[in-house]
Amino acid sequence: MTKTSHSTLTASAAGIASRQQPFPIILKAGLIAGILDILAAFVSYMIKTGKNPFLILNYIASAAFGKEIGYGDKTLMPVLGLLFHFLIAIIFAAIFYYVWPLIRQVSKNWIVSGLGYGVLVWVAMNLVVLPLTAAPGVGKHTTSGVITGLLILMVFVGLPISWVISRYRNAHLR
Protein backbone atom coordinates (compact mmCIF):
# COMPACT_ATOMS: atom_id res chain seq x y z
CA MET A 1 0.00 0.00 0.00
CA THR A 2 1.36 3.41 -0.91
CA LYS A 3 1.59 6.27 1.52
CA THR A 4 -1.08 8.19 -0.44
CA SER A 5 -3.58 5.33 -0.44
CA HIS A 6 -2.95 4.72 3.27
CA SER A 7 -3.61 8.43 4.00
CA THR A 8 -6.79 8.31 1.95
CA LEU A 9 -7.99 5.19 3.76
CA THR A 10 -7.14 6.72 7.13
CA ALA A 11 -8.96 9.96 6.27
CA SER A 12 -11.97 8.00 5.01
CA ALA A 13 -12.05 5.86 8.14
CA ALA A 14 -11.77 8.97 10.32
CA GLY A 15 -14.64 10.60 8.41
CA ILE A 16 -16.83 7.54 8.82
CA ALA A 17 -15.97 7.24 12.52
CA SER A 18 -16.70 10.91 13.19
CA ARG A 19 -20.04 10.72 11.35
CA GLN A 20 -20.99 7.75 13.50
CA GLN A 21 -20.24 9.60 16.73
CA PRO A 22 -22.17 12.86 16.90
CA PHE A 23 -21.97 13.18 20.69
CA PRO A 24 -18.60 15.00 20.88
CA ILE A 25 -19.70 17.72 18.45
CA ILE A 26 -23.11 18.04 20.15
CA LEU A 27 -21.38 18.29 23.54
CA LYS A 28 -18.97 20.95 22.24
CA ALA A 29 -21.79 23.03 20.73
CA GLY A 30 -23.94 22.67 23.85
CA LEU A 31 -21.15 23.59 26.25
CA ILE A 32 -20.11 26.66 24.25
CA ALA A 33 -23.73 27.83 23.98
CA GLY A 34 -24.34 27.04 27.66
CA ILE A 35 -21.33 29.06 28.81
CA LEU A 36 -22.15 32.06 26.62
CA ASP A 37 -25.84 31.95 27.52
CA ILE A 38 -25.34 31.79 31.28
CA LEU A 39 -22.74 34.57 31.19
CA ALA A 40 -25.10 36.77 29.14
CA ALA A 41 -27.95 35.96 31.52
CA PHE A 42 -25.77 36.84 34.54
CA VAL A 43 -24.75 40.20 33.07
CA SER A 44 -28.30 41.02 31.96
CA TYR A 45 -29.72 40.10 35.38
CA MET A 46 -27.10 42.15 37.25
CA ILE A 47 -27.74 45.20 35.07
CA LYS A 48 -31.51 44.86 35.33
CA THR A 49 -31.84 44.06 39.05
CA GLY A 50 -28.51 44.76 40.73
CA LYS A 51 -28.90 41.39 42.48
CA ASN A 52 -26.59 38.41 42.74
CA PRO A 53 -26.66 36.72 39.31
CA PHE A 54 -26.31 33.28 40.87
CA LEU A 55 -30.00 33.58 41.79
CA ILE A 56 -30.61 32.64 38.15
CA LEU A 57 -29.26 29.19 38.96
CA ASN A 58 -31.74 28.90 41.83
CA TYR A 59 -34.52 29.92 39.43
CA ILE A 60 -33.48 27.17 37.01
CA ALA A 61 -33.50 24.63 39.84
CA SER A 62 -36.91 25.89 40.98
CA ALA A 63 -38.32 24.78 37.64
CA ALA A 64 -37.80 21.19 38.77
CA PHE A 65 -38.16 21.49 42.53
CA GLY A 66 -40.53 24.41 43.04
CA LYS A 67 -39.85 27.87 44.43
CA GLU A 68 -39.54 26.91 48.09
CA ILE A 69 -36.90 24.22 47.55
CA GLY A 70 -35.23 25.87 44.54
CA TYR A 71 -34.54 29.08 46.44
CA GLY A 72 -34.24 27.47 49.88
CA ASP A 73 -30.88 25.76 49.44
CA LYS A 74 -28.07 28.17 48.58
CA THR A 75 -25.48 25.46 47.85
CA LEU A 76 -26.97 22.42 46.15
CA MET A 77 -29.71 24.16 44.16
CA PRO A 78 -27.40 26.52 42.23
CA VAL A 79 -25.24 23.53 41.29
CA LEU A 80 -28.29 21.59 40.13
CA GLY A 81 -29.53 24.69 38.30
CA LEU A 82 -26.23 24.92 36.44
CA LEU A 83 -26.37 21.22 35.55
CA PHE A 84 -29.95 21.61 34.27
CA HIS A 85 -28.89 24.68 32.29
CA PHE A 86 -26.11 22.78 30.50
CA LEU A 87 -28.32 19.75 29.96
CA ILE A 88 -30.88 21.97 28.23
CA ALA A 89 -28.16 23.62 26.09
CA ILE A 90 -26.85 20.20 25.04
CA ILE A 91 -30.38 19.03 24.20
CA PHE A 92 -30.89 22.08 21.98
CA ALA A 93 -27.53 21.38 20.31
CA ALA A 94 -28.60 17.77 19.70
CA ILE A 95 -31.89 18.89 18.18
CA PHE A 96 -30.02 21.26 15.84
CA TYR A 97 -27.56 18.51 14.91
CA TYR A 98 -30.30 16.08 13.93
CA VAL A 99 -32.50 18.59 12.09
CA TRP A 100 -29.50 20.21 10.39
CA PRO A 101 -30.27 18.58 7.01
CA LEU A 102 -33.71 20.25 7.07
CA ILE A 103 -32.31 23.56 8.30
CA ARG A 104 -29.76 23.48 5.49
CA GLN A 105 -32.58 23.26 2.94
CA VAL A 106 -34.01 26.52 4.29
CA SER A 107 -30.67 28.35 4.61
CA LYS A 108 -27.11 27.31 3.90
CA ASN A 109 -25.89 30.36 5.85
CA TRP A 110 -24.97 29.38 9.41
CA ILE A 111 -25.61 32.92 10.67
CA VAL A 112 -29.18 33.03 9.35
CA SER A 113 -29.76 29.48 10.61
CA GLY A 114 -28.35 30.30 14.03
CA LEU A 115 -30.36 33.48 14.50
CA GLY A 116 -33.53 31.68 13.42
CA TYR A 117 -32.75 28.77 15.72
CA GLY A 118 -32.28 31.19 18.62
CA VAL A 119 -35.82 32.47 18.02
CA LEU A 120 -37.12 28.89 18.00
CA VAL A 121 -35.27 28.16 21.25
CA TRP A 122 -36.91 31.22 22.86
CA VAL A 123 -40.36 30.09 21.68
CA ALA A 124 -39.77 26.52 22.86
CA MET A 125 -38.47 27.57 26.28
CA ASN A 126 -40.96 30.36 27.02
CA LEU A 127 -44.13 29.00 25.46
CA VAL A 128 -43.67 25.25 25.90
CA VAL A 129 -41.01 24.16 28.42
CA LEU A 130 -41.25 26.79 31.19
CA PRO A 131 -45.08 26.69 31.42
CA LEU A 132 -44.78 22.96 32.16
CA THR A 133 -42.42 23.55 35.10
CA ALA A 134 -42.77 24.72 38.69
CA ALA A 135 -40.71 27.87 38.02
CA PRO A 136 -42.23 31.00 39.58
CA GLY A 137 -43.44 33.86 37.40
CA VAL A 138 -43.75 31.86 34.19
CA GLY A 139 -45.81 33.53 31.50
CA LYS A 140 -45.13 37.10 32.61
CA HIS A 141 -43.53 38.64 29.52
CA THR A 142 -42.57 42.29 29.22
CA THR A 143 -41.52 43.79 25.91
CA SER A 144 -38.00 44.50 27.16
CA GLY A 145 -37.76 41.01 28.67
CA VAL A 146 -38.83 39.37 25.42
CA ILE A 147 -36.38 41.45 23.38
CA THR A 148 -33.51 40.78 25.79
CA GLY A 149 -34.31 37.07 25.94
CA LEU A 150 -34.58 36.78 22.16
CA LEU A 151 -31.30 38.61 21.60
CA ILE A 152 -29.46 36.50 24.17
CA LEU A 153 -30.76 33.23 22.72
CA MET A 154 -30.20 34.28 19.12
CA VAL A 155 -26.63 35.49 19.65
CA PHE A 156 -25.37 33.31 22.50
CA VAL A 157 -27.23 30.04 21.84
CA GLY A 158 -28.39 29.92 18.22
CA LEU A 159 -25.23 31.31 16.61
CA PRO A 160 -22.66 29.18 18.47
CA ILE A 161 -24.68 25.99 18.04
CA SER A 162 -25.17 26.72 14.35
CA TRP A 163 -21.52 27.64 13.84
CA VAL A 164 -20.07 24.56 15.56
CA ILE A 165 -22.48 22.06 14.02
CA SER A 166 -22.60 23.59 10.53
CA ARG A 167 -18.82 23.75 10.41
CA TYR A 168 -18.59 20.09 11.41
CA ARG A 169 -21.42 18.86 9.19
CA ASN A 170 -20.24 20.84 6.15
CA ALA A 171 -16.71 19.44 6.54
CA HIS A 172 -18.16 15.93 6.41
CA LEU A 173 -20.21 16.54 3.27
CA ARG A 174 -17.05 16.41 1.18
C-alpha atoms as a PDB file:
ATOM      1  CA  MET A   1       0.000   0.000   0.000  1.00  0.00           C
ATOM      2  CA  THR A   2       1.356   3.410  -0.913  1.00  0.00           C
ATOM      3  CA  LYS A   3       1.593   6.267   1.518  1.00  0.00           C
ATOM      4  CA  THR A   4      -1.075   8.191  -0.437  1.00  0.00           C
ATOM      5  CA  SER A   5      -3.583   5.330  -0.438  1.00  0.00           C
ATOM      6  CA  HIS A   6      -2.948   4.723   3.275  1.00  0.00           C
ATOM      7  CA  SER A   7      -3.606   8.426   4.004  1.00  0.00           C
ATOM      8  CA  THR A   8      -6.791   8.310   1.945  1.00  0.00           C
ATOM      9  CA  LEU A   9      -7.993   5.192   3.756  1.00  0.00           C
ATOM     10  CA  THR A  10      -7.138   6.715   7.126  1.00  0.00           C
ATOM     11  CA  ALA A  11      -8.961   9.955   6.268  1.00  0.00           C
ATOM     12  CA  SER A  12     -11.973   7.999   5.012  1.00  0.00           C
ATOM     13  CA  ALA A  13     -12.046   5.863   8.140  1.00  0.00           C
ATOM     14  CA  ALA A  14     -11.774   8.965  10.324  1.00  0.00           C
ATOM     15  CA  GLY A  15     -14.638  10.604   8.415  1.00  0.00           C
ATOM     16  CA  ILE A  16     -16.833   7.536   8.825  1.00  0.00           C
ATOM     17  CA  ALA A  17     -15.968   7.244  12.516  1.00  0.00           C
ATOM     18  CA  SER A  18     -16.704  10.906  13.187  1.00  0.00           C
ATOM     19  CA  ARG A  19     -20.036  10.716  11.353  1.00  0.00           C
ATOM     20  CA  GLN A  20     -20.991   7.752  13.498  1.00  0.00           C
ATOM     21  CA  GLN A  21     -20.244   9.595  16.734  1.00  0.00           C
ATOM     22  CA  PRO A  22     -22.165  12.863  16.900  1.00  0.00           C
ATOM     23  CA  PHE A  23     -21.970  13.176  20.692  1.00  0.00           C
ATOM     24  CA  PRO A  24     -18.596  15.000  20.881  1.00  0.00           C
ATOM     25  CA  ILE A  25     -19.704  17.717  18.455  1.00  0.00           C
ATOM     26  CA  ILE A  26     -23.107  18.039  20.155  1.00  0.00           C
ATOM     27  CA  LEU A  27     -21.381  18.293  23.536  1.00  0.00           C
ATOM     28  CA  LYS A  28     -18.974  20.949  22.243  1.00  0.00           C
ATOM     29  CA  ALA A  29     -21.789  23.034  20.726  1.00  0.00           C
ATOM     30  CA  GLY A  30     -23.938  22.668  23.852  1.00  0.00           C
ATOM     31  CA  LEU A  31     -21.146  23.589  26.250  1.00  0.00           C
ATOM     32  CA  ILE A  32     -20.113  26.655  24.246  1.00  0.00           C
ATOM     33  CA  ALA A  33     -23.726  27.829  23.983  1.00  0.00           C
ATOM     34  CA  GLY A  34     -24.343  27.037  27.657  1.00  0.00           C
ATOM     35  CA  ILE A  35     -21.331  29.056  28.813  1.00  0.00           C
ATOM     36  CA  LEU A  36     -22.146  32.056  26.617  1.00  0.00           C
ATOM     37  CA  ASP A  37     -25.841  31.949  27.522  1.00  0.00           C
ATOM     38  CA  ILE A  38     -25.344  31.787  31.278  1.00  0.00           C
ATOM     39  CA  LEU A  39     -22.740  34.575  31.190  1.00  0.00           C
ATOM     40  CA  ALA A  40     -25.099  36.774  29.139  1.00  0.00           C
ATOM     41  CA  ALA A  41     -27.952  35.956  31.525  1.00  0.00           C
ATOM     42  CA  PHE A  42     -25.772  36.837  34.541  1.00  0.00           C
ATOM     43  CA  VAL A  43     -24.748  40.201  33.068  1.00  0.00           C
ATOM     44  CA  SER A  44     -28.299  41.024  31.958  1.00  0.00           C
ATOM     45  CA  TYR A  45     -29.722  40.102  35.379  1.00  0.00           C
ATOM     46  CA  MET A  46     -27.096  42.147  37.247  1.00  0.00           C
ATOM     47  CA  ILE A  47     -27.736  45.201  35.073  1.00  0.00           C
ATOM     48  CA  LYS A  48     -31.510  44.862  35.330  1.00  0.00           C
ATOM     49  CA  THR A  49     -31.835  44.060  39.050  1.00  0.00           C
ATOM     50  CA  GLY A  50     -28.506  44.760  40.733  1.00  0.00           C
ATOM     51  CA  LYS A  51     -28.904  41.391  42.484  1.00  0.00           C
ATOM     52  CA  ASN A  52     -26.593  38.407  42.740  1.00  0.00           C
ATOM     53  CA  PRO A  53     -26.663  36.720  39.306  1.00  0.00           C
ATOM     54  CA  PHE A  54     -26.312  33.283  40.874  1.00  0.00           C
ATOM     55  CA  LEU A  55     -30.000  33.577  41.795  1.00  0.00           C
ATOM     56  CA  ILE A  56     -30.608  32.645  38.150  1.00  0.00           C
ATOM     57  CA  LEU A  57     -29.265  29.187  38.957  1.00  0.00           C
ATOM     58  CA  ASN A  58     -31.741  28.898  41.834  1.00  0.00           C
ATOM     59  CA  TYR A  59     -34.517  29.917  39.429  1.00  0.00           C
ATOM     60  CA  ILE A  60     -33.477  27.173  37.007  1.00  0.00           C
ATOM     61  CA  ALA A  61     -33.496  24.626  39.844  1.00  0.00           C
ATOM     62  CA  SER A  62     -36.907  25.891  40.979  1.00  0.00           C
ATOM     63  CA  ALA A  63     -38.319  24.780  37.637  1.00  0.00           C
ATOM     64  CA  ALA A  64     -37.798  21.187  38.768  1.00  0.00           C
ATOM     65  CA  PHE A  65     -38.158  21.491  42.534  1.00  0.00           C
ATOM     66  CA  GLY A  66     -40.528  24.410  43.043  1.00  0.00           C
ATOM     67  CA  LYS A  67     -39.850  27.870  44.429  1.00  0.00           C
ATOM     68  CA  GLU A  68     -39.544  26.906  48.086  1.00  0.00           C
ATOM     69  CA  ILE A  69     -36.901  24.221  47.549  1.00  0.00           C
ATOM     70  CA  GLY A  70     -35.235  25.872  44.535  1.00  0.00           C
ATOM     71  CA  TYR A  71     -34.542  29.079  46.443  1.00  0.00           C
ATOM     72  CA  GLY A  72     -34.236  27.468  49.883  1.00  0.00           C
ATOM     73  CA  ASP A  73     -30.882  25.761  49.438  1.00  0.00           C
ATOM     74  CA  LYS A  74     -28.068  28.167  48.579  1.00  0.00           C
ATOM     75  CA  THR A  75     -25.475  25.455  47.850  1.00  0.00           C
ATOM     76  CA  LEU A  76     -26.972  22.418  46.149  1.00  0.00           C
ATOM     77  CA  MET A  77     -29.715  24.158  44.158  1.00  0.00           C
ATOM     78  CA  PRO A  78     -27.403  26.518  42.231  1.00  0.00           C
ATOM     79  CA  VAL A  79     -25.236  23.527  41.290  1.00  0.00           C
ATOM     80  CA  LEU A  80     -28.294  21.592  40.125  1.00  0.00           C
ATOM     81  CA  GLY A  81     -29.526  24.694  38.296  1.00  0.00           C
ATOM     82  CA  LEU A  82     -26.225  24.918  36.443  1.00  0.00           C
ATOM     83  CA  LEU A  83     -26.372  21.215  35.552  1.00  0.00           C
ATOM     84  CA  PHE A  84     -29.953  21.606  34.274  1.00  0.00           C
ATOM     85  CA  HIS A  85     -28.885  24.675  32.293  1.00  0.00           C
ATOM     86  CA  PHE A  86     -26.109  22.780  30.505  1.00  0.00           C
ATOM     87  CA  LEU A  87     -28.325  19.747  29.957  1.00  0.00           C
ATOM     88  CA  ILE A  88     -30.878  21.971  28.225  1.00  0.00           C
ATOM     89  CA  ALA A  89     -28.165  23.624  26.090  1.00  0.00           C
ATOM     90  CA  ILE A  90     -26.848  20.204  25.043  1.00  0.00           C
ATOM     91  CA  ILE A  91     -30.377  19.031  24.204  1.00  0.00           C
ATOM     92  CA  PHE A  92     -30.888  22.083  21.979  1.00  0.00           C
ATOM     93  CA  ALA A  93     -27.525  21.380  20.313  1.00  0.00           C
ATOM     94  CA  ALA A  94     -28.598  17.768  19.702  1.00  0.00           C
ATOM     95  CA  ILE A  95     -31.887  18.892  18.178  1.00  0.00           C
ATOM     96  CA  PHE A  96     -30.024  21.262  15.844  1.00  0.00           C
ATOM     97  CA  TYR A  97     -27.561  18.506  14.913  1.00  0.00           C
ATOM     98  CA  TYR A  98     -30.300  16.079  13.930  1.00  0.00           C
ATOM     99  CA  VAL A  99     -32.504  18.592  12.087  1.00  0.00           C
ATOM    100  CA  TRP A 100     -29.503  20.211  10.393  1.00  0.00           C
ATOM    101  CA  PRO A 101     -30.268  18.582   7.006  1.00  0.00           C
ATOM    102  CA  LEU A 102     -33.709  20.249   7.069  1.00  0.00           C
ATOM    103  CA  ILE A 103     -32.314  23.563   8.301  1.00  0.00           C
ATOM    104  CA  ARG A 104     -29.759  23.485   5.495  1.00  0.00           C
ATOM    105  CA  GLN A 105     -32.577  23.261   2.945  1.00  0.00           C
ATOM    106  CA  VAL A 106     -34.007  26.525   4.286  1.00  0.00           C
ATOM    107  CA  SER A 107     -30.670  28.350   4.611  1.00  0.00           C
ATOM    108  CA  LYS A 108     -27.115  27.313   3.896  1.00  0.00           C
ATOM    109  CA  ASN A 109     -25.891  30.355   5.850  1.00  0.00           C
ATOM    110  CA  TRP A 110     -24.966  29.376   9.406  1.00  0.00           C
ATOM    111  CA  ILE A 111     -25.610  32.922  10.672  1.00  0.00           C
ATOM    112  CA  VAL A 112     -29.180  33.032   9.353  1.00  0.00           C
ATOM    113  CA  SER A 113     -29.757  29.476  10.606  1.00  0.00           C
ATOM    114  CA  GLY A 114     -28.353  30.303  14.035  1.00  0.00           C
ATOM    115  CA  LEU A 115     -30.363  33.480  14.504  1.00  0.00           C
ATOM    116  CA  GLY A 116     -33.528  31.683  13.420  1.00  0.00           C
ATOM    117  CA  TYR A 117     -32.751  28.772  15.717  1.00  0.00           C
ATOM    118  CA  GLY A 118     -32.282  31.190  18.623  1.00  0.00           C
ATOM    119  CA  VAL A 119     -35.818  32.473  18.021  1.00  0.00           C
ATOM    120  CA  LEU A 120     -37.120  28.887  17.996  1.00  0.00           C
ATOM    121  CA  VAL A 121     -35.267  28.165  21.248  1.00  0.00           C
ATOM    122  CA  TRP A 122     -36.914  31.223  22.859  1.00  0.00           C
ATOM    123  CA  VAL A 123     -40.359  30.093  21.675  1.00  0.00           C
ATOM    124  CA  ALA A 124     -39.767  26.515  22.862  1.00  0.00           C
ATOM    125  CA  MET A 125     -38.474  27.574  26.280  1.00  0.00           C
ATOM    126  CA  ASN A 126     -40.961  30.361  27.019  1.00  0.00           C
ATOM    127  CA  LEU A 127     -44.130  29.003  25.459  1.00  0.00           C
ATOM    128  CA  VAL A 128     -43.674  25.246  25.897  1.00  0.00           C
ATOM    129  CA  VAL A 129     -41.008  24.158  28.418  1.00  0.00           C
ATOM    130  CA  LEU A 130     -41.252  26.787  31.194  1.00  0.00           C
ATOM    131  CA  PRO A 131     -45.080  26.694  31.417  1.00  0.00           C
ATOM    132  CA  LEU A 132     -44.777  22.962  32.158  1.00  0.00           C
ATOM    133  CA  THR A 133     -42.419  23.551  35.099  1.00  0.00           C
ATOM    134  CA  ALA A 134     -42.773  24.719  38.687  1.00  0.00           C
ATOM    135  CA  ALA A 135     -40.705  27.873  38.020  1.00  0.00           C
ATOM    136  CA  PRO A 136     -42.230  31.000  39.581  1.00  0.00           C
ATOM    137  CA  GLY A 137     -43.435  33.865  37.401  1.00  0.00           C
ATOM    138  CA  VAL A 138     -43.755  31.855  34.195  1.00  0.00           C
ATOM    139  CA  GLY A 139     -45.808  33.531  31.498  1.00  0.00           C
ATOM    140  CA  LYS A 140     -45.125  37.096  32.611  1.00  0.00           C
ATOM    141  CA  HIS A 141     -43.527  38.642  29.519  1.00  0.00           C
ATOM    142  CA  THR A 142     -42.568  42.295  29.225  1.00  0.00           C
ATOM    143  CA  THR A 143     -41.523  43.792  25.911  1.00  0.00           C
ATOM    144  CA  SER A 144     -38.003  44.502  27.157  1.00  0.00           C
ATOM    145  CA  GLY A 145     -37.755  41.012  28.666  1.00  0.00           C
ATOM    146  CA  VAL A 146     -38.827  39.371  25.419  1.00  0.00           C
ATOM    147  CA  ILE A 147     -36.381  41.450  23.379  1.00  0.00           C
ATOM    148  CA  THR A 148     -33.510  40.779  25.790  1.00  0.00           C
ATOM    149  CA  GLY A 149     -34.308  37.069  25.943  1.00  0.00           C
ATOM    150  CA  LEU A 150     -34.583  36.781  22.164  1.00  0.00           C
ATOM    151  CA  LEU A 151     -31.302  38.605  21.600  1.00  0.00           C
ATOM    152  CA  ILE A 152     -29.456  36.495  24.167  1.00  0.00           C
ATOM    153  CA  LEU A 153     -30.762  33.230  22.725  1.00  0.00           C
ATOM    154  CA  MET A 154     -30.198  34.280  19.115  1.00  0.00           C
ATOM    155  CA  VAL A 155     -26.625  35.490  19.652  1.00  0.00           C
ATOM    156  CA  PHE A 156     -25.367  33.306  22.496  1.00  0.00           C
ATOM    157  CA  VAL A 157     -27.229  30.040  21.837  1.00  0.00           C
ATOM    158  CA  GLY A 158     -28.386  29.925  18.220  1.00  0.00           C
ATOM    159  CA  LEU A 159     -25.233  31.313  16.614  1.00  0.00           C
ATOM    160  CA  PRO A 160     -22.659  29.176  18.469  1.00  0.00           C
ATOM    161  CA  ILE A 161     -24.685  25.989  18.036  1.00  0.00           C
ATOM    162  CA  SER A 162     -25.173  26.722  14.346  1.00  0.00           C
ATOM    163  CA  TRP A 163     -21.518  27.640  13.839  1.00  0.00           C
ATOM    164  CA  VAL A 164     -20.074  24.556  15.557  1.00  0.00           C
ATOM    165  CA  ILE A 165     -22.476  22.059  14.025  1.00  0.00           C
ATOM    166  CA  SER A 166     -22.603  23.593  10.532  1.00  0.00           C
ATOM    167  CA  ARG A 167     -18.825  23.745  10.406  1.00  0.00           C
ATOM    168  CA  TYR A 168     -18.588  20.092  11.415  1.00  0.00           C
ATOM    169  CA  ARG A 169     -21.417  18.856   9.190  1.00  0.00           C
ATOM    170  CA  ASN A 170     -20.236  20.841   6.145  1.00  0.00           C
ATOM    171  CA  ALA A 171     -16.712  19.438   6.539  1.00  0.00           C
ATOM    172  CA  HIS A 172     -18.158  15.929   6.409  1.00  0.00           C
ATOM    173  CA  LEU A 173     -20.210  16.542   3.266  1.00  0.00           C
ATOM    174  CA  ARG A 174     -17.047  16.405   1.176  1.00  0.00           C
END
